[in-house]
C-alpha atoms as a PDB file:
ATOM      1  CA  UNK A   1      11.988  -5.042   0.121  1.00  0.00           C
ATOM      2  CA  UNK A   2      15.163  -5.479  -1.472  1.00  0.00           C
ATOM      3  CA  UNK A   3      15.679  -5.413  -5.364  1.00  0.00           C
ATOM      4  CA  UNK A   4      15.166  -8.634  -7.178  1.00  0.00           C
ATOM      5  CA  UNK A   5      18.587  -7.977  -8.840  1.00  0.00           C
ATOM      6  CA  UNK A   6      20.342  -9.575  -5.851  1.00  0.00           C
ATOM      7  CA  UNK A   7      18.849 -13.070  -6.606  1.00  0.00           C
ATOM      8  CA  UNK A   8      21.419 -15.521  -7.353  1.00  0.00           C
ATOM      9  CA  UNK A   9      22.485 -15.815 -10.990  1.00  0.00           C
ATOM     10  CA  UNK A  10      21.406 -19.442 -11.162  1.00  0.00           C
ATOM     11  CA  UNK A  11      17.903 -18.614 -10.193  1.00  0.00           C
ATOM     12  CA  UNK A  12      17.563 -15.603 -12.716  1.00  0.00           C
ATOM     13  CA  UNK A  13      19.055 -17.792 -15.499  1.00  0.00           C
ATOM     14  CA  UNK A  14      16.491 -20.427 -14.572  1.00  0.00           C
ATOM     15  CA  UNK A  15      13.725 -18.003 -14.559  1.00  0.00           C
ATOM     16  CA  UNK A  16      14.429 -16.614 -17.821  1.00  0.00           C
ATOM     17  CA  UNK A  17      14.923 -20.021 -19.517  1.00  0.00           C
ATOM     18  CA  UNK A  18      11.660 -21.225 -17.942  1.00  0.00           C
ATOM     19  CA  UNK A  19       9.718 -18.229 -19.115  1.00  0.00           C
ATOM     20  CA  UNK A  20      10.999 -18.420 -22.684  1.00  0.00           C
ATOM     21  CA  UNK A  21      10.456 -22.074 -22.890  1.00  0.00           C
ATOM     22  CA  UNK A  22       6.920 -21.899 -21.451  1.00  0.00           C
ATOM     23  CA  UNK A  23       5.978 -19.130 -23.935  1.00  0.00           C
ATOM     24  CA  UNK A  24       7.348 -20.981 -26.848  1.00  0.00           C
ATOM     25  CA  UNK A  25       5.852 -24.370 -25.836  1.00  0.00           C
ATOM     26  CA  UNK A  26       2.455 -22.829 -25.162  1.00  0.00           C
ATOM     27  CA  UNK A  27       2.558 -21.134 -28.749  1.00  0.00           C
ATOM     28  CA  UNK A  28       3.572 -24.529 -30.296  1.00  0.00           C
ATOM     29  CA  UNK A  29       0.719 -26.451 -28.507  1.00  0.00           C
ATOM     30  CA  UNK A  30      -1.723 -23.668 -29.782  1.00  0.00           C
ATOM     31  CA  UNK A  31      -0.306 -23.997 -33.281  1.00  0.00           C
ATOM     32  CA  UNK A  32      -0.622 -27.889 -33.085  1.00  0.00           C
ATOM     33  CA  UNK A  33      -4.007 -27.911 -31.687  1.00  0.00           C
ATOM     34  CA  UNK A  34      -5.329 -25.524 -34.443  1.00  0.00           C
ATOM     35  CA  UNK A  35      -3.488 -27.573 -37.222  1.00  0.00           C
ATOM     36  CA  UNK A  36      -1.439 -24.713 -38.219  1.00  0.00           C
ATOM     37  CA  UNK A  37       1.689 -26.792 -37.969  1.00  0.00           C
ATOM     38  CA  UNK A  38       2.390 -30.689 -37.745  1.00  0.00           C
ATOM     39  CA  UNK A  39       5.029 -32.127 -35.487  1.00  0.00           C
ATOM     40  CA  UNK A  40       6.758 -35.521 -35.734  1.00  0.00           C
ATOM     41  CA  UNK A  41       4.656 -38.408 -34.478  1.00  0.00           C
ATOM     42  CA  UNK A  42       6.811 -38.531 -31.321  1.00  0.00           C
ATOM     43  CA  UNK A  43       6.000 -35.053 -30.324  1.00  0.00           C
ATOM     44  CA  UNK A  44       2.235 -35.327 -31.099  1.00  0.00           C
ATOM     45  CA  UNK A  45       1.417 -37.271 -28.110  1.00  0.00           C
ATOM     46  CA  UNK A  46      -0.359 -35.558 -25.179  1.00  0.00           C
ATOM     47  CA  UNK A  47       2.169 -36.875 -22.636  1.00  0.00           C
ATOM     48  CA  UNK A  48       5.152 -35.422 -24.424  1.00  0.00           C
ATOM     49  CA  UNK A  49       3.483 -31.976 -24.714  1.00  0.00           C
ATOM     50  CA  UNK A  50       2.626 -32.012 -21.117  1.00  0.00           C
ATOM     51  CA  UNK A  51       6.065 -33.083 -19.940  1.00  0.00           C
ATOM     52  CA  UNK A  52       7.487 -30.226 -21.996  1.00  0.00           C
ATOM     53  CA  UNK A  53       5.185 -27.757 -20.363  1.00  0.00           C
ATOM     54  CA  UNK A  54       6.070 -29.177 -17.065  1.00  0.00           C
ATOM     55  CA  UNK A  55       9.681 -28.982 -17.552  1.00  0.00           C
ATOM     56  CA  UNK A  56       9.119 -25.108 -18.378  1.00  0.00           C
ATOM     57  CA  UNK A  57       7.138 -24.562 -15.341  1.00  0.00           C
ATOM     58  CA  UNK A  58       9.859 -26.595 -13.235  1.00  0.00           C
ATOM     59  CA  UNK A  59      12.372 -23.991 -14.285  1.00  0.00           C
ATOM     60  CA  UNK A  60      10.450 -21.134 -12.933  1.00  0.00           C
ATOM     61  CA  UNK A  61       9.765 -22.653  -9.415  1.00  0.00           C
ATOM     62  CA  UNK A  62      13.263 -21.906  -7.921  1.00  0.00           C
ATOM     63  CA  UNK A  63      12.489 -18.102  -8.524  1.00  0.00           C
ATOM     64  CA  UNK A  64       9.146 -18.463  -7.099  1.00  0.00           C
ATOM     65  CA  UNK A  65      10.454 -20.114  -3.907  1.00  0.00           C
ATOM     66  CA  UNK A  66      13.163 -17.510  -3.555  1.00  0.00           C
ATOM     67  CA  UNK A  67      10.860 -14.597  -3.780  1.00  0.00           C
ATOM     68  CA  UNK A  68       8.301 -15.977  -1.387  1.00  0.00           C
ATOM     69  CA  UNK A  69      11.128 -16.914   1.121  1.00  0.00           C
ATOM     70  CA  UNK A  70      12.164 -13.229   1.159  1.00  0.00           C
ATOM     71  CA  UNK A  71       8.898 -11.789   1.433  1.00  0.00           C
ATOM     72  CA  UNK A  72       7.423 -14.064   3.985  1.00  0.00           C
ATOM     73  CA  UNK A  73       9.211 -12.705   6.992  1.00  0.00           C
ATOM     74  CA  UNK A  74       7.843  -9.205   6.263  1.00  0.00           C
ATOM     75  CA  UNK A  75       4.155 -10.569   6.594  1.00  0.00           C
ATOM     76  CA  UNK A  76       3.038  -9.806  10.138  1.00  0.00           C
ATOM     77  CA  UNK A  77      -0.263 -11.784   9.869  1.00  0.00           C
ATOM     78  CA  UNK A  78       1.770 -15.018   9.716  1.00  0.00           C
ATOM     79  CA  UNK A  79       3.025 -14.412  13.281  1.00  0.00           C
ATOM     80  CA  UNK A  80       6.802 -14.270  12.325  1.00  0.00           C
ATOM     81  CA  UNK A  81       7.410 -10.557  12.786  1.00  0.00           C
ATOM     82  CA  UNK A  82      10.982  -9.597  12.846  1.00  0.00           C
ATOM     83  CA  UNK A  83      10.438  -7.373  15.916  1.00  0.00           C
ATOM     84  CA  UNK A  84       9.904  -9.172  19.343  1.00  0.00           C
ATOM     85  CA  UNK A  85       7.370  -7.920  21.611  1.00  0.00           C
ATOM     86  CA  UNK A  86       8.561  -7.362  25.198  1.00  0.00           C
END
């Protein structure tokens, strides 16, 4: 399999942003739930916190799709081999 370094730059940037955002938001949610910090009333709603986490996961999805799209043709048990049987 080829290196993951040949992925499009846009996909790599989205992956990094998504991972950092997801880690920060999960840490933030943990701190809010355990009453270590208190956010503004707007951000204390469950829907807002959930939307922020979904946004972070949404940034990771293009890289997942790209990796799966590259690996899928190599999997012979799906019946899509690169070699044709004669």
